Amino acid sequence: MRLELEDIKGGELEQEYSCSLSDFSDLIDIADDGGPKFSEPLQFQLRFQRTGQFVEVDGHLDAEVELKCGRCLLDFKQSLAESFALTFVPQRKDHETEEEVELKTGELGLIPYENDILELQEPLQEQLLMAVPISPVCKKSCRGLCPECGIDLNAVKCDCTRKPFNNKFNVLASIDVKKS
C-alpha cells in the first residue's frame, strides 16, 4: 500500500481502502500468538492534504476484531471505529551524527517517506492495533470468574465463601461518628 505524491493533485486527495489481513502480516502473527483476531475487510477512509513536502492525513478506520474478555475469558467480537491523524515528512538526506540531532522524526510522531512515495502499510497497521481496547470486556455487566473456584459468574451462581479483602481501613467502619 503506497501513494505517490504526484497523485495528490491540487493539494488534496480522498481515498478509501478496503484491505485484507494479507496486507498486514503482523496482524496475522499477533493473532497466532493469542492476540486480537481481525476480521476482513479492514476499511480505511483517508484524506491527504499536501503542504509543500509535508503530507497531513486525516483518517478513519472501521474493523471488527475478536477479543478475549478480561473478566470472564470468553471470546467476543467488537467493532472498532476510530479517527486518527498522521503526518508524513521527507526523509533527511544529510548524515548528521546523533550528537547534532536532538529528536528524530519518529520521536516527534512524524512518518518519514523517500522518493516521493508514502508507504501506508505500517502506519495503518499501527492505527488498527492502537484502536484495540487495552482491557476488553464482553459487556459492562460481565461478572467475571470466581476468584476461588474459577466458575463463570455470568452463567452460574457460585457458592464459595468469599473472604473479605484484608484492608487495614476495615477497622474504621466500626467507628460510630456523631455529627454535631
N, C-alpha and C. Protein backbone atom coordinates (compact mmCIF):
# COMPACT_ATOMS: atom_id res chain seq x y z
N MET A 1 0.85 -1.17 0.00
CA MET A 1 0.00 0.00 0.00
C MET A 1 0.89 1.23 0.00
N ARG A 2 0.82 1.94 -1.07
CA ARG A 2 1.64 3.14 -1.20
C ARG A 2 0.91 4.18 -2.03
N LEU A 3 1.35 5.41 -1.87
CA LEU A 3 0.77 6.52 -2.61
C LEU A 3 1.91 7.43 -3.04
N GLU A 4 1.90 7.83 -4.30
CA GLU A 4 2.92 8.75 -4.80
C GLU A 4 2.42 10.18 -4.60
N LEU A 5 3.36 11.07 -4.28
CA LEU A 5 2.99 12.47 -4.02
C LEU A 5 2.32 13.11 -5.22
N GLU A 6 2.70 12.72 -6.42
CA GLU A 6 2.11 13.33 -7.61
C GLU A 6 0.63 13.00 -7.76
N ASP A 7 0.14 11.96 -7.05
CA ASP A 7 -1.28 11.62 -7.09
C ASP A 7 -2.13 12.60 -6.29
N ILE A 8 -1.51 13.39 -5.43
CA ILE A 8 -2.23 14.38 -4.63
C ILE A 8 -2.30 15.67 -5.46
N LYS A 9 -3.22 15.71 -6.37
CA LYS A 9 -3.36 16.85 -7.28
C LYS A 9 -4.17 17.94 -6.60
N GLY A 10 -3.76 19.18 -6.76
CA GLY A 10 -4.46 20.29 -6.14
C GLY A 10 -4.28 20.35 -4.64
N GLY A 11 -3.35 19.57 -4.11
CA GLY A 11 -3.05 19.62 -2.69
C GLY A 11 -3.91 18.71 -1.83
N GLU A 12 -5.00 18.13 -2.39
CA GLU A 12 -5.87 17.26 -1.60
C GLU A 12 -6.27 16.03 -2.38
N LEU A 13 -6.48 14.94 -1.64
CA LEU A 13 -6.93 13.69 -2.24
C LEU A 13 -7.67 12.89 -1.18
N GLU A 14 -8.82 12.34 -1.56
CA GLU A 14 -9.56 11.45 -0.67
C GLU A 14 -9.53 10.05 -1.26
N GLN A 15 -9.21 9.06 -0.42
CA GLN A 15 -9.10 7.68 -0.86
C GLN A 15 -9.81 6.78 0.15
N GLU A 16 -10.40 5.72 -0.35
CA GLU A 16 -10.95 4.67 0.50
C GLU A 16 -10.22 3.39 0.18
N TYR A 17 -9.87 2.67 1.23
CA TYR A 17 -9.16 1.40 1.07
C TYR A 17 -9.95 0.32 1.79
N SER A 18 -10.13 -0.80 1.12
CA SER A 18 -10.70 -1.99 1.72
C SER A 18 -9.59 -3.05 1.68
N CYS A 19 -9.06 -3.39 2.83
CA CYS A 19 -7.87 -4.23 2.90
C CYS A 19 -8.18 -5.60 3.47
N SER A 20 -7.31 -6.54 3.13
CA SER A 20 -7.42 -7.87 3.70
C SER A 20 -6.31 -8.05 4.73
N LEU A 21 -6.40 -9.11 5.50
CA LEU A 21 -5.37 -9.39 6.51
C LEU A 21 -4.01 -9.65 5.86
N SER A 22 -4.00 -10.15 4.64
CA SER A 22 -2.73 -10.43 3.98
C SER A 22 -1.93 -9.14 3.73
N ASP A 23 -2.61 -7.98 3.74
CA ASP A 23 -1.91 -6.70 3.60
C ASP A 23 -1.14 -6.33 4.87
N PHE A 24 -1.49 -6.95 5.99
CA PHE A 24 -0.88 -6.64 7.28
C PHE A 24 -0.41 -7.95 7.93
N SER A 25 0.74 -8.42 7.53
CA SER A 25 1.23 -9.72 8.00
C SER A 25 1.45 -9.74 9.52
N ASP A 26 1.79 -8.62 10.12
CA ASP A 26 2.00 -8.59 11.57
C ASP A 26 0.71 -8.89 12.33
N LEU A 27 -0.44 -8.49 11.78
CA LEU A 27 -1.72 -8.77 12.45
C LEU A 27 -1.98 -10.26 12.51
N ILE A 28 -1.58 -10.98 11.48
CA ILE A 28 -1.75 -12.44 11.46
C ILE A 28 -0.85 -13.07 12.51
N ASP A 29 0.40 -12.59 12.60
CA ASP A 29 1.34 -13.12 13.60
C ASP A 29 0.83 -12.86 15.02
N ILE A 30 0.29 -11.68 15.26
CA ILE A 30 -0.23 -11.32 16.58
C ILE A 30 -1.41 -12.22 16.94
N ALA A 31 -2.29 -12.49 15.98
CA ALA A 31 -3.44 -13.36 16.22
C ALA A 31 -2.98 -14.79 16.50
N ASP A 32 -1.95 -15.24 15.79
CA ASP A 32 -1.42 -16.59 16.02
C ASP A 32 -0.81 -16.74 17.41
N ASP A 33 -0.33 -15.62 17.98
CA ASP A 33 0.26 -15.63 19.32
C ASP A 33 -0.78 -15.41 20.42
N GLY A 34 -2.07 -15.45 20.07
CA GLY A 34 -3.13 -15.31 21.07
C GLY A 34 -3.67 -13.91 21.22
N GLY A 35 -3.24 -13.00 20.37
CA GLY A 35 -3.71 -11.61 20.44
C GLY A 35 -5.02 -11.42 19.71
N PRO A 36 -5.41 -10.18 19.49
CA PRO A 36 -6.67 -9.89 18.80
C PRO A 36 -6.67 -10.45 17.37
N LYS A 37 -7.85 -10.94 16.95
CA LYS A 37 -8.00 -11.51 15.60
C LYS A 37 -8.92 -10.60 14.80
N PHE A 38 -8.36 -9.93 13.81
CA PHE A 38 -9.14 -9.02 12.98
C PHE A 38 -9.89 -9.80 11.91
N SER A 39 -11.09 -9.34 11.58
CA SER A 39 -11.89 -9.93 10.51
C SER A 39 -11.77 -9.04 9.27
N GLU A 40 -11.94 -9.66 8.12
CA GLU A 40 -11.88 -8.91 6.87
C GLU A 40 -13.28 -8.43 6.50
N PRO A 41 -13.41 -7.33 5.79
CA PRO A 41 -12.37 -6.42 5.33
C PRO A 41 -12.04 -5.37 6.40
N LEU A 42 -10.88 -4.78 6.27
CA LEU A 42 -10.46 -3.66 7.11
C LEU A 42 -10.65 -2.41 6.26
N GLN A 43 -11.47 -1.49 6.73
CA GLN A 43 -11.85 -0.32 5.94
C GLN A 43 -11.12 0.93 6.44
N PHE A 44 -10.61 1.71 5.50
CA PHE A 44 -9.95 2.98 5.81
C PHE A 44 -10.49 4.07 4.88
N GLN A 45 -10.81 5.22 5.45
CA GLN A 45 -11.12 6.41 4.66
C GLN A 45 -10.02 7.42 5.00
N LEU A 46 -9.28 7.84 3.98
CA LEU A 46 -8.14 8.73 4.20
C LEU A 46 -8.29 10.00 3.36
N ARG A 47 -7.96 11.12 3.98
CA ARG A 47 -7.93 12.40 3.26
C ARG A 47 -6.51 12.95 3.38
N PHE A 48 -5.84 13.05 2.25
CA PHE A 48 -4.46 13.53 2.19
C PHE A 48 -4.47 15.02 1.86
N GLN A 49 -3.67 15.79 2.58
CA GLN A 49 -3.53 17.20 2.28
C GLN A 49 -2.04 17.51 2.25
N ARG A 50 -1.58 17.98 1.11
CA ARG A 50 -0.16 18.25 0.91
C ARG A 50 0.12 19.73 1.03
N THR A 51 1.10 20.05 1.87
CA THR A 51 1.57 21.41 2.03
C THR A 51 3.08 21.38 1.86
N GLY A 52 3.55 21.76 0.70
CA GLY A 52 4.99 21.66 0.41
C GLY A 52 5.40 20.20 0.41
N GLN A 53 6.37 19.86 1.24
CA GLN A 53 6.83 18.48 1.35
C GLN A 53 6.11 17.70 2.45
N PHE A 54 5.30 18.39 3.25
CA PHE A 54 4.55 17.73 4.32
C PHE A 54 3.22 17.22 3.79
N VAL A 55 2.82 16.04 4.26
CA VAL A 55 1.52 15.49 3.89
C VAL A 55 0.78 15.12 5.17
N GLU A 56 -0.33 15.82 5.40
CA GLU A 56 -1.19 15.54 6.55
C GLU A 56 -2.25 14.54 6.10
N VAL A 57 -2.53 13.55 6.95
CA VAL A 57 -3.54 12.55 6.64
C VAL A 57 -4.55 12.51 7.78
N ASP A 58 -5.81 12.78 7.43
CA ASP A 58 -6.91 12.59 8.38
C ASP A 58 -7.57 11.29 7.97
N GLY A 59 -7.67 10.36 8.91
CA GLY A 59 -8.18 9.04 8.57
C GLY A 59 -9.24 8.55 9.52
N HIS A 60 -9.95 7.54 9.05
CA HIS A 60 -10.95 6.85 9.86
C HIS A 60 -10.87 5.38 9.50
N LEU A 61 -10.89 4.52 10.52
CA LEU A 61 -10.85 3.08 10.28
C LEU A 61 -12.10 2.42 10.83
N ASP A 62 -12.54 1.39 10.14
CA ASP A 62 -13.65 0.55 10.58
C ASP A 62 -13.18 -0.89 10.47
N ALA A 63 -13.29 -1.63 11.55
CA ALA A 63 -12.86 -3.03 11.55
C ALA A 63 -13.64 -3.79 12.62
N GLU A 64 -13.61 -5.10 12.49
CA GLU A 64 -14.18 -5.95 13.52
C GLU A 64 -13.07 -6.86 14.02
N VAL A 65 -13.02 -7.02 15.35
CA VAL A 65 -11.93 -7.78 15.95
C VAL A 65 -12.50 -8.75 16.99
N GLU A 66 -11.90 -9.93 17.06
CA GLU A 66 -12.28 -10.90 18.08
C GLU A 66 -11.29 -10.78 19.23
N LEU A 67 -11.83 -10.59 20.43
CA LEU A 67 -11.01 -10.38 21.62
C LEU A 67 -11.39 -11.39 22.69
N LYS A 68 -10.58 -11.47 23.71
CA LYS A 68 -10.86 -12.30 24.88
C LYS A 68 -11.20 -11.36 26.03
N CYS A 69 -12.36 -11.59 26.64
CA CYS A 69 -12.82 -10.75 27.74
C CYS A 69 -11.82 -10.81 28.89
N GLY A 70 -11.49 -9.67 29.44
CA GLY A 70 -10.55 -9.59 30.54
C GLY A 70 -11.13 -10.04 31.87
N ARG A 71 -12.45 -10.25 31.94
CA ARG A 71 -13.08 -10.69 33.18
C ARG A 71 -13.46 -12.17 33.16
N CYS A 72 -14.12 -12.60 32.08
CA CYS A 72 -14.61 -13.99 32.04
C CYS A 72 -13.83 -14.88 31.08
N LEU A 73 -12.90 -14.32 30.33
CA LEU A 73 -12.02 -15.03 29.40
C LEU A 73 -12.72 -15.64 28.20
N LEU A 74 -13.98 -15.27 27.94
CA LEU A 74 -14.68 -15.76 26.75
C LEU A 74 -14.35 -14.88 25.55
N ASP A 75 -14.35 -15.50 24.36
CA ASP A 75 -14.11 -14.75 23.12
C ASP A 75 -15.38 -13.99 22.75
N PHE A 76 -15.20 -12.78 22.23
CA PHE A 76 -16.33 -11.98 21.75
C PHE A 76 -15.82 -11.08 20.62
N LYS A 77 -16.77 -10.60 19.80
CA LYS A 77 -16.42 -9.71 18.69
C LYS A 77 -16.81 -8.29 19.04
N GLN A 78 -15.96 -7.37 18.61
CA GLN A 78 -16.21 -5.95 18.86
C GLN A 78 -15.90 -5.17 17.59
N SER A 79 -16.74 -4.20 17.29
CA SER A 79 -16.49 -3.31 16.16
C SER A 79 -15.59 -2.17 16.60
N LEU A 80 -14.66 -1.81 15.76
CA LEU A 80 -13.77 -0.69 16.01
C LEU A 80 -14.07 0.41 14.99
N ALA A 81 -14.21 1.61 15.44
CA ALA A 81 -14.39 2.78 14.57
C ALA A 81 -13.61 3.92 15.21
N GLU A 82 -12.48 4.26 14.62
CA GLU A 82 -11.60 5.26 15.21
C GLU A 82 -11.14 6.25 14.14
N SER A 83 -10.96 7.50 14.56
CA SER A 83 -10.36 8.52 13.70
C SER A 83 -8.93 8.74 14.14
N PHE A 84 -8.10 9.15 13.20
CA PHE A 84 -6.68 9.37 13.52
C PHE A 84 -6.09 10.40 12.56
N ALA A 85 -4.92 10.87 12.90
CA ALA A 85 -4.20 11.84 12.07
C ALA A 85 -2.74 11.42 11.98
N LEU A 86 -2.18 11.52 10.79
CA LEU A 86 -0.78 11.18 10.55
C LEU A 86 -0.11 12.32 9.81
N THR A 87 1.20 12.46 9.98
CA THR A 87 1.96 13.46 9.24
C THR A 87 3.19 12.79 8.63
N PHE A 88 3.30 12.89 7.31
CA PHE A 88 4.44 12.36 6.58
C PHE A 88 5.38 13.50 6.22
N VAL A 89 6.67 13.27 6.40
CA VAL A 89 7.70 14.27 6.08
C VAL A 89 8.80 13.58 5.27
N PRO A 90 9.51 14.35 4.44
CA PRO A 90 10.59 13.72 3.66
C PRO A 90 11.72 13.24 4.56
N GLN A 91 12.32 12.11 4.19
CA GLN A 91 13.47 11.57 4.92
C GLN A 91 14.64 12.50 4.72
N ARG A 92 15.35 12.79 5.80
CA ARG A 92 16.52 13.68 5.70
C ARG A 92 17.62 12.98 4.94
N LYS A 93 18.24 13.70 4.04
CA LYS A 93 19.31 13.15 3.20
C LYS A 93 20.69 13.30 3.85
N ASP A 94 20.86 14.39 4.62
CA ASP A 94 22.19 14.63 5.20
C ASP A 94 22.47 13.63 6.31
N HIS A 95 23.70 13.33 6.51
CA HIS A 95 24.11 12.33 7.50
C HIS A 95 24.67 13.04 8.73
N GLU A 96 23.78 13.41 9.63
CA GLU A 96 24.20 14.07 10.85
C GLU A 96 24.48 13.02 11.91
N THR A 97 25.37 13.36 12.81
CA THR A 97 25.64 12.44 13.92
C THR A 97 24.53 12.59 14.96
N GLU A 98 24.43 11.63 15.85
CA GLU A 98 23.39 11.67 16.88
C GLU A 98 23.56 12.87 17.79
N GLU A 99 24.78 13.33 17.97
CA GLU A 99 25.01 14.47 18.85
C GLU A 99 24.41 15.74 18.26
N GLU A 100 24.34 15.83 16.93
CA GLU A 100 23.83 17.03 16.28
C GLU A 100 22.31 17.07 16.23
N VAL A 101 21.65 15.93 16.35
CA VAL A 101 20.20 15.86 16.25
C VAL A 101 19.62 15.51 17.61
N GLU A 102 18.76 16.40 18.12
CA GLU A 102 18.16 16.13 19.42
C GLU A 102 17.02 15.12 19.31
N LEU A 103 16.10 15.35 18.39
CA LEU A 103 14.96 14.46 18.22
C LEU A 103 14.91 13.98 16.78
N LYS A 104 14.61 12.70 16.62
CA LYS A 104 14.47 12.14 15.29
C LYS A 104 13.02 12.23 14.86
N THR A 105 12.79 12.05 13.57
CA THR A 105 11.45 12.16 13.01
C THR A 105 10.46 11.27 13.73
N GLY A 106 10.80 10.01 13.95
CA GLY A 106 9.90 9.07 14.60
C GLY A 106 9.54 9.47 16.02
N GLU A 107 10.47 10.12 16.71
CA GLU A 107 10.24 10.55 18.08
C GLU A 107 9.23 11.70 18.14
N LEU A 108 9.08 12.43 17.06
CA LEU A 108 8.14 13.54 17.01
C LEU A 108 6.77 13.10 16.52
N GLY A 109 6.62 11.81 16.21
CA GLY A 109 5.35 11.32 15.70
C GLY A 109 5.19 11.56 14.21
N LEU A 110 6.27 11.87 13.54
CA LEU A 110 6.24 12.10 12.10
C LEU A 110 6.69 10.84 11.38
N ILE A 111 6.13 10.59 10.21
CA ILE A 111 6.46 9.39 9.44
C ILE A 111 7.30 9.80 8.23
N PRO A 112 8.53 9.34 8.16
CA PRO A 112 9.38 9.73 7.03
C PRO A 112 9.01 8.97 5.75
N TYR A 113 9.18 9.65 4.61
CA TYR A 113 9.00 8.99 3.32
C TYR A 113 10.19 9.32 2.43
N GLU A 114 10.41 8.44 1.43
CA GLU A 114 11.52 8.63 0.50
C GLU A 114 11.00 8.57 -0.93
N ASN A 115 11.70 9.22 -1.84
CA ASN A 115 11.44 9.16 -3.28
C ASN A 115 10.00 9.53 -3.62
N ASP A 116 9.42 10.47 -2.89
CA ASP A 116 8.05 10.96 -3.12
C ASP A 116 7.00 9.85 -3.08
N ILE A 117 7.23 8.83 -2.25
CA ILE A 117 6.28 7.72 -2.10
C ILE A 117 5.94 7.54 -0.62
N LEU A 118 4.64 7.58 -0.31
CA LEU A 118 4.18 7.36 1.05
C LEU A 118 3.87 5.88 1.22
N GLU A 119 4.56 5.23 2.14
CA GLU A 119 4.29 3.83 2.48
C GLU A 119 3.23 3.83 3.58
N LEU A 120 2.06 3.28 3.29
CA LEU A 120 0.93 3.37 4.21
C LEU A 120 0.74 2.15 5.10
N GLN A 121 1.33 1.03 4.74
CA GLN A 121 1.07 -0.22 5.44
C GLN A 121 1.37 -0.14 6.93
N GLU A 122 2.59 0.22 7.30
CA GLU A 122 2.98 0.26 8.73
C GLU A 122 2.14 1.25 9.55
N PRO A 123 1.97 2.51 9.08
CA PRO A 123 1.16 3.44 9.88
C PRO A 123 -0.28 2.99 10.06
N LEU A 124 -0.88 2.40 9.03
CA LEU A 124 -2.27 1.95 9.15
C LEU A 124 -2.37 0.74 10.08
N GLN A 125 -1.40 -0.12 10.02
CA GLN A 125 -1.36 -1.28 10.92
C GLN A 125 -1.25 -0.81 12.38
N GLU A 126 -0.42 0.19 12.62
CA GLU A 126 -0.28 0.75 13.96
C GLU A 126 -1.60 1.33 14.45
N GLN A 127 -2.33 2.00 13.56
CA GLN A 127 -3.61 2.59 13.96
C GLN A 127 -4.62 1.51 14.32
N LEU A 128 -4.61 0.40 13.58
CA LEU A 128 -5.50 -0.72 13.92
C LEU A 128 -5.19 -1.26 15.31
N LEU A 129 -3.91 -1.45 15.59
CA LEU A 129 -3.52 -2.00 16.90
C LEU A 129 -3.81 -1.03 18.03
N MET A 130 -3.63 0.26 17.79
CA MET A 130 -3.92 1.24 18.84
C MET A 130 -5.42 1.38 19.11
N ALA A 131 -6.27 0.98 18.15
CA ALA A 131 -7.72 1.06 18.33
C ALA A 131 -8.26 -0.08 19.20
N VAL A 132 -7.46 -1.13 19.40
CA VAL A 132 -7.89 -2.27 20.22
C VAL A 132 -7.88 -1.85 21.69
N PRO A 133 -8.98 -2.09 22.42
CA PRO A 133 -9.01 -1.70 23.83
C PRO A 133 -7.97 -2.45 24.66
N ILE A 134 -7.41 -1.78 25.64
CA ILE A 134 -6.38 -2.37 26.49
C ILE A 134 -6.96 -3.46 27.38
N SER A 135 -8.12 -3.19 27.97
CA SER A 135 -8.79 -4.16 28.84
C SER A 135 -10.17 -4.45 28.27
N PRO A 136 -10.25 -5.36 27.29
CA PRO A 136 -11.55 -5.61 26.67
C PRO A 136 -12.50 -6.34 27.62
N VAL A 137 -13.76 -5.94 27.58
CA VAL A 137 -14.80 -6.55 28.39
C VAL A 137 -15.97 -6.87 27.45
N CYS A 138 -16.48 -8.11 27.52
CA CYS A 138 -17.53 -8.56 26.61
C CYS A 138 -18.81 -7.74 26.75
N LYS A 139 -19.16 -7.35 27.97
CA LYS A 139 -20.31 -6.48 28.24
C LYS A 139 -20.09 -5.80 29.58
N LYS A 140 -20.70 -4.65 29.76
CA LYS A 140 -20.49 -3.89 31.00
C LYS A 140 -20.90 -4.67 32.23
N SER A 141 -21.91 -5.51 32.09
CA SER A 141 -22.42 -6.26 33.24
C SER A 141 -21.68 -7.57 33.48
N CYS A 142 -20.60 -7.82 32.78
CA CYS A 142 -19.85 -9.07 32.95
C CYS A 142 -19.35 -9.17 34.40
N ARG A 143 -19.64 -10.31 35.04
CA ARG A 143 -19.27 -10.52 36.44
C ARG A 143 -17.94 -11.23 36.58
N GLY A 144 -17.41 -11.78 35.48
CA GLY A 144 -16.10 -12.41 35.52
C GLY A 144 -16.11 -13.81 36.10
N LEU A 145 -14.96 -14.23 36.59
CA LEU A 145 -14.77 -15.56 37.17
C LEU A 145 -14.66 -15.46 38.68
N CYS A 146 -15.11 -16.50 39.36
CA CYS A 146 -14.97 -16.57 40.82
C CYS A 146 -13.48 -16.69 41.14
N PRO A 147 -12.96 -15.86 42.05
CA PRO A 147 -11.54 -15.92 42.37
C PRO A 147 -11.15 -17.19 43.13
N GLU A 148 -12.13 -17.89 43.70
CA GLU A 148 -11.82 -19.12 44.45
C GLU A 148 -11.91 -20.38 43.59
N CYS A 149 -13.04 -20.56 42.89
CA CYS A 149 -13.23 -21.81 42.13
C CYS A 149 -13.08 -21.64 40.64
N GLY A 150 -13.10 -20.40 40.14
CA GLY A 150 -12.89 -20.15 38.72
C GLY A 150 -14.12 -20.32 37.85
N ILE A 151 -15.30 -20.47 38.44
CA ILE A 151 -16.52 -20.66 37.66
C ILE A 151 -16.95 -19.33 37.04
N ASP A 152 -17.57 -19.38 35.87
CA ASP A 152 -18.05 -18.18 35.19
C ASP A 152 -19.29 -17.67 35.92
N LEU A 153 -19.18 -16.54 36.58
CA LEU A 153 -20.28 -15.99 37.39
C LEU A 153 -21.42 -15.45 36.54
N ASN A 154 -21.23 -15.31 35.23
CA ASN A 154 -22.31 -14.89 34.34
C ASN A 154 -23.27 -16.05 34.08
N ALA A 155 -22.78 -17.27 34.14
CA ALA A 155 -23.58 -18.45 33.81
C ALA A 155 -24.14 -19.15 35.04
N VAL A 156 -23.36 -19.19 36.13
CA VAL A 156 -23.73 -19.97 37.31
C VAL A 156 -23.48 -19.13 38.56
N LYS A 157 -24.38 -19.31 39.56
CA LYS A 157 -24.15 -18.64 40.85
C LYS A 157 -23.17 -19.49 41.65
N CYS A 158 -22.20 -18.87 42.22
CA CYS A 158 -21.14 -19.57 42.95
C CYS A 158 -21.51 -19.65 44.43
N ASP A 159 -21.20 -20.79 45.05
CA ASP A 159 -21.47 -20.99 46.48
C ASP A 159 -20.22 -20.83 47.34
N CYS A 160 -19.15 -20.36 46.76
CA CYS A 160 -17.91 -20.19 47.53
C CYS A 160 -18.11 -19.12 48.60
N THR A 161 -17.43 -19.29 49.71
CA THR A 161 -17.46 -18.27 50.76
C THR A 161 -16.31 -17.32 50.49
N ARG A 162 -16.67 -16.13 50.21
CA ARG A 162 -15.65 -15.14 49.90
C ARG A 162 -15.13 -14.53 51.18
N LYS A 163 -13.84 -14.51 51.30
CA LYS A 163 -13.22 -13.91 52.46
C LYS A 163 -13.10 -12.42 52.17
N PRO A 164 -13.36 -11.60 53.18
CA PRO A 164 -13.24 -10.16 52.95
C PRO A 164 -11.78 -9.79 52.65
N PHE A 165 -11.65 -8.80 51.84
CA PHE A 165 -10.33 -8.30 51.48
C PHE A 165 -9.64 -7.77 52.73
N ASN A 166 -8.39 -8.11 52.91
CA ASN A 166 -7.64 -7.67 54.07
C ASN A 166 -7.29 -6.19 53.89
N ASN A 167 -8.17 -5.39 54.39
CA ASN A 167 -8.00 -3.95 54.23
C ASN A 167 -7.74 -3.33 55.60
N LYS A 168 -6.65 -2.64 55.75
CA LYS A 168 -6.31 -2.06 57.04
C LYS A 168 -7.29 -0.98 57.49
N PHE A 169 -8.14 -0.51 56.58
CA PHE A 169 -9.10 0.52 56.94
C PHE A 169 -10.45 -0.06 57.36
N ASN A 170 -10.61 -1.39 57.35
CA ASN A 170 -11.86 -2.02 57.79
C ASN A 170 -12.18 -1.66 59.23
N VAL A 171 -11.20 -1.43 60.04
CA VAL A 171 -11.40 -1.09 61.45
C VAL A 171 -12.18 0.22 61.56
N LEU A 172 -11.97 1.12 60.63
CA LEU A 172 -12.64 2.42 60.69
C LEU A 172 -14.16 2.30 60.44
N ALA A 173 -14.61 1.21 59.80
CA ALA A 173 -16.03 1.03 59.53
C ALA A 173 -16.84 0.86 60.81
N SER A 174 -16.21 0.37 61.87
CA SER A 174 -16.95 0.13 63.11
C SER A 174 -16.99 1.37 64.01
N ILE A 175 -16.33 2.43 63.67
CA ILE A 175 -16.33 3.63 64.47
C ILE A 175 -17.64 4.39 64.27
N ASP A 176 -18.27 4.75 65.36
CA ASP A 176 -19.53 5.50 65.30
C ASP A 176 -19.18 6.98 65.40
N VAL A 177 -19.44 7.68 64.34
CA VAL A 177 -19.16 9.11 64.29
C VAL A 177 -20.45 9.87 64.44
N LYS A 178 -20.51 10.74 65.47
CA LYS A 178 -21.70 11.56 65.68
C LYS A 178 -21.49 12.92 65.05
N LYS A 179 -22.49 13.32 64.30
CA LYS A 179 -22.42 14.65 63.67
C LYS A 179 -23.05 15.65 64.62
N SER A 180 -22.40 16.79 64.75
CA SER A 180 -22.94 17.79 65.67
C SER A 180 -23.42 18.99 64.92
